[in-house]
PDB file of N, CA and C in Angstrom:
ATOM      1  N   UNK A   1     -14.261  45.831 -12.570  1.00  0.00           N
ATOM      2  CA  UNK A   1     -14.676  44.684 -11.634  1.00  0.00           C
ATOM      3  C   UNK A   1     -15.803  45.502 -11.019  1.00  0.00           C
ATOM      4  N   UNK A   2     -16.216  43.955 -11.329  1.00  0.00           N
ATOM      5  CA  UNK A   2     -18.176  44.800 -10.745  1.00  0.00           C
ATOM      6  C   UNK A   2     -17.816  44.883  -9.151  1.00  0.00           C
ATOM      7  N   UNK A   3     -18.856  45.809  -8.809  1.00  0.00           N
ATOM      8  CA  UNK A   3     -19.721  47.165  -8.126  1.00  0.00           C
ATOM      9  C   UNK A   3     -19.086  45.482  -6.456  1.00  0.00           C
ATOM     10  N   UNK A   4     -18.206  46.373  -5.789  1.00  0.00           N
ATOM     11  CA  UNK A   4     -17.823  45.654  -4.378  1.00  0.00           C
ATOM     12  C   UNK A   4     -18.578  45.619  -2.973  1.00  0.00           C
ATOM     13  N   UNK A   5     -18.680  45.631  -2.245  1.00  0.00           N
ATOM     14  CA  UNK A   5     -19.720  45.606  -1.245  1.00  0.00           C
ATOM     15  C   UNK A   5     -18.966  45.218  -0.070  1.00  0.00           C
ATOM     16  N   UNK A   6     -18.464  45.486   0.946  1.00  0.00           N
ATOM     17  CA  UNK A   6     -17.952  44.525   2.432  1.00  0.00           C
ATOM     18  C   UNK A   6     -18.572  44.165   3.309  1.00  0.00           C
ATOM     19  N   UNK A   7     -18.577  42.623   3.714  1.00  0.00           N
ATOM     20  CA  UNK A   7     -19.618  42.129   3.970  1.00  0.00           C
ATOM     21  C   UNK A   7     -18.741  41.394   5.769  1.00  0.00           C
ATOM     22  N   UNK A   8     -19.457  41.477   6.883  1.00  0.00           N
ATOM     23  CA  UNK A   8     -18.749  41.095   7.893  1.00  0.00           C
ATOM     24  C   UNK A   8     -19.446  39.614   8.442  1.00  0.00           C
ATOM     25  N   UNK A   9     -18.207  38.308   8.671  1.00  0.00           N
ATOM     26  CA  UNK A   9     -19.207  36.543   8.263  1.00  0.00           C
ATOM     27  C   UNK A   9     -18.168  36.564   9.509  1.00  0.00           C
ATOM     28  N   UNK A  10     -18.915  36.059   9.664  1.00  0.00           N
ATOM     29  CA  UNK A  10     -18.737  34.638  11.489  1.00  0.00           C
ATOM     30  C   UNK A  10     -18.603  33.488  11.074  1.00  0.00           C
ATOM     31  N   UNK A  11     -17.210  33.567  11.822  1.00  0.00           N
ATOM     32  CA  UNK A  11     -16.687  31.637  11.223  1.00  0.00           C
ATOM     33  C   UNK A  11     -16.061  31.090  12.706  1.00  0.00           C
ATOM     34  N   UNK A  12     -16.193  30.368  12.671  1.00  0.00           N
ATOM     35  CA  UNK A  12     -14.846  28.985  13.913  1.00  0.00           C
ATOM     36  C   UNK A  12     -14.114  29.383  14.200  1.00  0.00           C
ATOM     37  N   UNK A  13     -13.769  29.353  14.456  1.00  0.00           N
ATOM     38  CA  UNK A  13     -11.609  30.186  14.502  1.00  0.00           C
ATOM     39  C   UNK A  13     -10.900  28.635  14.109  1.00  0.00           C
ATOM     40  N   UNK A  14     -11.549  27.038  13.973  1.00  0.00           N
ATOM     41  CA  UNK A  14     -10.820  26.296  13.032  1.00  0.00           C
ATOM     42  C   UNK A  14     -11.051  27.044  11.673  1.00  0.00           C
ATOM     43  N   UNK A  15     -11.994  27.201  11.128  1.00  0.00           N
ATOM     44  CA  UNK A  15     -12.424  27.189   9.871  1.00  0.00           C
ATOM     45  C   UNK A  15     -11.061  29.041   9.377  1.00  0.00           C
ATOM     46  N   UNK A  16     -11.566  29.837  10.010  1.00  0.00           N
ATOM     47  CA  UNK A  16     -10.509  31.096  10.141  1.00  0.00           C
ATOM     48  C   UNK A  16      -9.201  30.696   9.766  1.00  0.00           C
ATOM     49  N   UNK A  17      -8.439  30.554  10.797  1.00  0.00           N
ATOM     50  CA  UNK A  17      -7.058  30.007  10.998  1.00  0.00           C
ATOM     51  C   UNK A  17      -6.572  29.214   9.413  1.00  0.00           C
ATOM     52  N   UNK A  18      -7.832  27.735   9.275  1.00  0.00           N
ATOM     53  CA  UNK A  18      -7.902  27.299   7.723  1.00  0.00           C
ATOM     54  C   UNK A  18      -7.512  28.125   6.688  1.00  0.00           C
ATOM     55  N   UNK A  19      -8.586  28.987   6.449  1.00  0.00           N
ATOM     56  CA  UNK A  19      -8.382  30.677   5.864  1.00  0.00           C
ATOM     57  C   UNK A  19      -7.264  31.291   5.579  1.00  0.00           C
ATOM     58  N   UNK A  20      -6.400  32.267   6.501  1.00  0.00           N
ATOM     59  CA  UNK A  20      -5.694  31.817   6.406  1.00  0.00           C
ATOM     60  C   UNK A  20      -4.027  31.628   5.740  1.00  0.00           C
ATOM     61  N   UNK A  21      -4.518  29.798   6.131  1.00  0.00           N
ATOM     62  CA  UNK A  21      -3.101  29.226   5.684  1.00  0.00           C
ATOM     63  C   UNK A  21      -3.208  29.465   4.678  1.00  0.00           C
ATOM     64  N   UNK A  22      -4.655  28.909   3.996  1.00  0.00           N
ATOM     65  CA  UNK A  22      -5.057  28.481   2.568  1.00  0.00           C
ATOM     66  C   UNK A  22      -3.862  30.327   1.432  1.00  0.00           C
ATOM     67  N   UNK A  23      -4.105  30.905   2.176  1.00  0.00           N
ATOM     68  CA  UNK A  23      -3.837  32.137   1.617  1.00  0.00           C
ATOM     69  C   UNK A  23      -2.676  32.624   1.948  1.00  0.00           C
ATOM     70  N   UNK A  24      -1.916  32.363   3.173  1.00  0.00           N
ATOM     71  CA  UNK A  24      -0.751  32.652   3.414  1.00  0.00           C
ATOM     72  C   UNK A  24       0.346  31.783   2.338  1.00  0.00           C
ATOM     73  N   UNK A  25      -0.579  30.058   1.720  1.00  0.00           N
ATOM     74  CA  UNK A  25       0.049  28.528   0.998  1.00  0.00           C
ATOM     75  C   UNK A  25       0.363  29.982  -0.093  1.00  0.00           C
ATOM     76  N   UNK A  26      -0.698  29.926  -0.215  1.00  0.00           N
ATOM     77  CA  UNK A  26      -1.240  30.652  -1.956  1.00  0.00           C
ATOM     78  C   UNK A  26      -0.410  31.781  -2.080  1.00  0.00           C
ATOM     79  N   UNK A  27      -0.032  32.381  -1.526  1.00  0.00           N
ATOM     80  CA  UNK A  27       0.551  34.128  -1.405  1.00  0.00           C
ATOM     81  C   UNK A  27      -0.883  34.776  -2.070  1.00  0.00           C
ATOM     82  N   UNK A  28      -2.197  34.386  -1.917  1.00  0.00           N
ATOM     83  CA  UNK A  28      -2.996  34.685  -2.295  1.00  0.00           C
ATOM     84  C   UNK A  28      -3.998  35.760  -1.129  1.00  0.00           C
ATOM     85  N   UNK A  29      -5.159  36.939  -0.727  1.00  0.00           N
ATOM     86  CA  UNK A  29      -5.256  37.178   0.173  1.00  0.00           C
ATOM     87  C   UNK A  29      -6.557  36.527   0.534  1.00  0.00           C
ATOM     88  N   UNK A  30      -7.269  36.535   1.656  1.00  0.00           N
ATOM     89  CA  UNK A  30      -8.324  36.305   2.315  1.00  0.00           C
ATOM     90  C   UNK A  30      -9.387  35.772   1.578  1.00  0.00           C
ATOM     91  N   UNK A  31      -9.741  37.528   0.880  1.00  0.00           N
ATOM     92  CA  UNK A  31     -11.034  37.532   0.240  1.00  0.00           C
ATOM     93  C   UNK A  31     -11.341  36.601  -1.448  1.00  0.00           C
ATOM     94  N   UNK A  32     -10.105  36.643  -1.251  1.00  0.00           N
ATOM     95  CA  UNK A  32      -9.503  35.513  -3.071  1.00  0.00           C
ATOM     96  C   UNK A  32      -9.764  34.592  -3.668  1.00  0.00           C
ATOM     97  N   UNK A  33      -9.273  33.984  -1.668  1.00  0.00           N
ATOM     98  CA  UNK A  33      -9.485  32.326  -0.811  1.00  0.00           C
ATOM     99  C   UNK A  33     -10.697  31.973  -0.941  1.00  0.00           C
ATOM    100  N   UNK A  34     -11.597  32.720  -0.443  1.00  0.00           N
ATOM    101  CA  UNK A  34     -13.419  32.863  -0.549  1.00  0.00           C
ATOM    102  C   UNK A  34     -13.230  33.628  -1.950  1.00  0.00           C
ATOM    103  N   UNK A  35     -13.544  33.990  -3.064  1.00  0.00           N
ATOM    104  CA  UNK A  35     -14.151  34.123  -3.703  1.00  0.00           C
ATOM    105  C   UNK A  35     -13.507  32.763  -4.412  1.00  0.00           C
ATOM    106  N   UNK A  36     -12.874  32.276  -4.638  1.00  0.00           N
ATOM    107  CA  UNK A  36     -12.129  30.983  -5.161  1.00  0.00           C
ATOM    108  C   UNK A  36     -12.918  29.963  -4.535  1.00  0.00           C
ATOM    109  N   UNK A  37     -13.683  30.084  -3.921  1.00  0.00           N
ATOM    110  CA  UNK A  37     -14.130  29.095  -2.793  1.00  0.00           C
ATOM    111  C   UNK A  37     -15.475  28.868  -3.244  1.00  0.00           C
ATOM    112  N   UNK A  38     -16.249  30.247  -3.234  1.00  0.00           N
ATOM    113  CA  UNK A  38     -17.959  30.626  -3.608  1.00  0.00           C
ATOM    114  C   UNK A  38     -17.604  29.525  -5.121  1.00  0.00           C
ATOM    115  N   UNK A  39     -16.498  30.581  -6.239  1.00  0.00           N
ATOM    116  CA  UNK A  39     -17.089  29.780  -7.790  1.00  0.00           C
ATOM    117  C   UNK A  39     -17.086  27.797  -7.456  1.00  0.00           C
ATOM    118  N   UNK A  40     -15.995  27.217  -6.999  1.00  0.00           N
ATOM    119  CA  UNK A  40     -16.389  26.156  -6.611  1.00  0.00           C
ATOM    120  C   UNK A  40     -17.470  26.014  -6.162  1.00  0.00           C
ATOM    121  N   UNK A  41     -18.096  26.494  -4.849  1.00  0.00           N
ATOM    122  CA  UNK A  41     -19.102  25.597  -4.330  1.00  0.00           C
ATOM    123  C   UNK A  41     -19.878  26.185  -6.255  1.00  0.00           C
ATOM    124  N   UNK A  42     -20.483  26.936  -7.071  1.00  0.00           N
ATOM    125  CA  UNK A  42     -21.599  26.620  -7.659  1.00  0.00           C
ATOM    126  C   UNK A  42     -21.541  26.568  -8.841  1.00  0.00           C
ATOM    127  N   UNK A  43     -19.937  26.056  -9.186  1.00  0.00           N
ATOM    128  CA  UNK A  43     -19.494  24.443 -10.213  1.00  0.00           C
ATOM    129  C   UNK A  43     -19.727  23.736 -10.095  1.00  0.00           C
ATOM    130  N   UNK A  44     -20.185  23.210  -8.201  1.00  0.00           N
ATOM    131  CA  UNK A  44     -20.645  22.086  -7.673  1.00  0.00           C
ATOM    132  C   UNK A  44     -21.801  22.118  -7.810  1.00  0.00           C
ATOM    133  N   UNK A  45     -22.273  23.326  -7.432  1.00  0.00           N
ATOM    134  CA  UNK A  45     -23.607  23.727  -7.780  1.00  0.00           C
ATOM    135  C   UNK A  45     -24.591  22.370  -8.547  1.00  0.00           C
ATOM    136  N   UNK A  46     -24.128  23.393  -9.690  1.00  0.00           N
ATOM    137  CA  UNK A  46     -24.382  23.675 -10.562  1.00  0.00           C
ATOM    138  C   UNK A  46     -24.154  22.522 -11.460  1.00  0.00           C
ATOM    139  N   UNK A  47     -23.203  21.961 -11.434  1.00  0.00           N
ATOM    140  CA  UNK A  47     -23.144  20.796 -11.838  1.00  0.00           C
ATOM    141  C   UNK A  47     -23.958  19.285 -11.490  1.00  0.00           C
ATOM    142  N   UNK A  48     -24.167  19.424 -10.703  1.00  0.00           N
ATOM    143  CA  UNK A  48     -25.382  18.159  -9.790  1.00  0.00           C
ATOM    144  C   UNK A  48     -26.461  17.934 -10.155  1.00  0.00           C
ATOM    145  N   UNK A  49     -26.967  19.839 -10.395  1.00  0.00           N
ATOM    146  CA  UNK A  49     -28.370  20.641 -11.023  1.00  0.00           C
ATOM    147  C   UNK A  49     -28.853  19.394 -11.979  1.00  0.00           C
ATOM    148  N   UNK A  50     -27.403  19.284 -12.825  1.00  0.00           N
ATOM    149  CA  UNK A  50     -27.335  18.568 -13.768  1.00  0.00           C
ATOM    150  C   UNK A  50     -27.370  18.036 -14.061  1.00  0.00           C
ATOM    151  N   UNK A  51     -27.649  17.478 -12.904  1.00  0.00           N
ATOM    152  CA  UNK A  51     -27.329  15.481 -13.107  1.00  0.00           C
ATOM    153  C   UNK A  51     -25.920  14.614 -12.850  1.00  0.00           C
ATOM    154  N   UNK A  52     -25.094  15.566 -13.078  1.00  0.00           N
ATOM    155  CA  UNK A  52     -23.239  14.997 -13.408  1.00  0.00           C
ATOM    156  C   UNK A  52     -23.042  15.118 -12.037  1.00  0.00           C
ATOM    157  N   UNK A  53     -21.372  13.768 -12.502  1.00  0.00           N
ATOM    158  CA  UNK A  53     -21.046  14.038 -11.308  1.00  0.00           C
ATOM    159  C   UNK A  53     -19.273  14.506 -10.652  1.00  0.00           C
ATOM    160  N   UNK A  54     -19.096  14.610 -10.376  1.00  0.00           N
ATOM    161  CA  UNK A  54     -17.811  15.567 -10.331  1.00  0.00           C
ATOM    162  C   UNK A  54     -16.608  13.858  -9.408  1.00  0.00           C
ATOM    163  N   UNK A  55     -15.919  14.176 -10.432  1.00  0.00           N
ATOM    164  CA  UNK A  55     -14.274  13.583  -9.950  1.00  0.00           C
ATOM    165  C   UNK A  55     -12.877  13.132 -10.370  1.00  0.00           C
ATOM    166  N   UNK A  56     -12.207  13.707  -9.198  1.00  0.00           N
ATOM    167  CA  UNK A  56     -11.563  13.129  -9.370  1.00  0.00           C
ATOM    168  C   UNK A  56      -9.840  12.942  -9.684  1.00  0.00           C
ATOM    169  N   UNK A  57      -9.656  12.940 -10.373  1.00  0.00           N
ATOM    170  CA  UNK A  57      -7.787  12.104 -10.424  1.00  0.00           C
ATOM    171  C   UNK A  57      -6.693  12.024  -9.530  1.00  0.00           C
ATOM    172  N   UNK A  58      -6.592  10.952  -9.136  1.00  0.00           N
ATOM    173  CA  UNK A  58      -5.098  10.591  -7.818  1.00  0.00           C
ATOM    174  C   UNK A  58      -4.328  10.666  -8.552  1.00  0.00           C
ATOM    175  N   UNK A  59      -3.174  10.800  -7.540  1.00  0.00           N
ATOM    176  CA  UNK A  59      -1.452  11.067  -7.773  1.00  0.00           C
ATOM    177  C   UNK A  59      -1.362   9.719  -9.197  1.00  0.00           C
ATOM    178  N   UNK A  60      -2.294   8.836  -8.465  1.00  0.00           N
ATOM    179  CA  UNK A  60      -1.881   6.956  -8.733  1.00  0.00           C
ATOM    180  C   UNK A  60      -2.805   6.577 -10.634  1.00  0.00           C
ATOM    181  N   UNK A  61      -3.273   7.784 -10.624  1.00  0.00           N
ATOM    182  CA  UNK A  61      -4.400   7.964 -11.781  1.00  0.00           C
ATOM    183  C   UNK A  61      -5.992   7.290 -10.839  1.00  0.00           C
ATOM    184  N   UNK A  62      -5.554   7.319  -9.832  1.00  0.00           N
ATOM    185  CA  UNK A  62      -6.897   6.723  -9.555  1.00  0.00           C
ATOM    186  C   UNK A  62      -8.851   7.273  -9.530  1.00  0.00           C
ATOM    187  N   UNK A  63     -10.265   7.249 -10.187  1.00  0.00           N
ATOM    188  CA  UNK A  63     -10.981   8.569 -10.144  1.00  0.00           C
ATOM    189  C   UNK A  63     -11.744   8.812  -8.680  1.00  0.00           C
ATOM    190  N   UNK A  64     -11.587   9.182  -8.073  1.00  0.00           N
ATOM    191  CA  UNK A  64     -12.543   8.624  -7.010  1.00  0.00           C
ATOM    192  C   UNK A  64     -14.283  10.438  -7.454  1.00  0.00           C
ATOM    193  N   UNK A  65     -15.255  10.254  -6.873  1.00  0.00           N
ATOM    194  CA  UNK A  65     -16.506  10.967  -6.755  1.00  0.00           C
ATOM    195  C   UNK A  65     -16.627  11.035  -5.957  1.00  0.00           C
ATOM    196  N   UNK A  66     -16.188  12.947  -6.708  1.00  0.00           N
ATOM    197  CA  UNK A  66     -16.636  13.855  -4.906  1.00  0.00           C
ATOM    198  C   UNK A  66     -18.041  14.395  -4.401  1.00  0.00           C
ATOM    199  N   UNK A  67     -18.562  13.698  -3.673  1.00  0.00           N
ATOM    200  CA  UNK A  67     -19.743  13.650  -2.399  1.00  0.00           C
ATOM    201  C   UNK A  67     -19.181  14.754  -1.741  1.00  0.00           C
ATOM    202  N   UNK A  68     -20.383  15.688  -1.746  1.00  0.00           N
ATOM    203  CA  UNK A  68     -20.705  16.346  -1.048  1.00  0.00           C
ATOM    204  C   UNK A  68     -21.715  16.815   0.308  1.00  0.00           C
ATOM    205  N   UNK A  69     -21.625  16.386   1.651  1.00  0.00           N
ATOM    206  CA  UNK A  69     -22.719  16.107   3.074  1.00  0.00           C
ATOM    207  C   UNK A  69     -23.735  17.090   2.568  1.00  0.00           C
TER     208      UNK A  69
END
């Protein structure tokens, strides 16, 4: 396991509650959900830097592009 350092963040109440809800739904820790979110953001950033698009296929097989604000 890589070196670990404790960090403190300030989040709006709604975002903190959403984070806790995701953790409960996935049976994961809040820390694990944050790690996954960071990795997903890193993937998106790298993909867009390469000039590529990120697409999601809906359950109806429709392709939708992921657009970041």
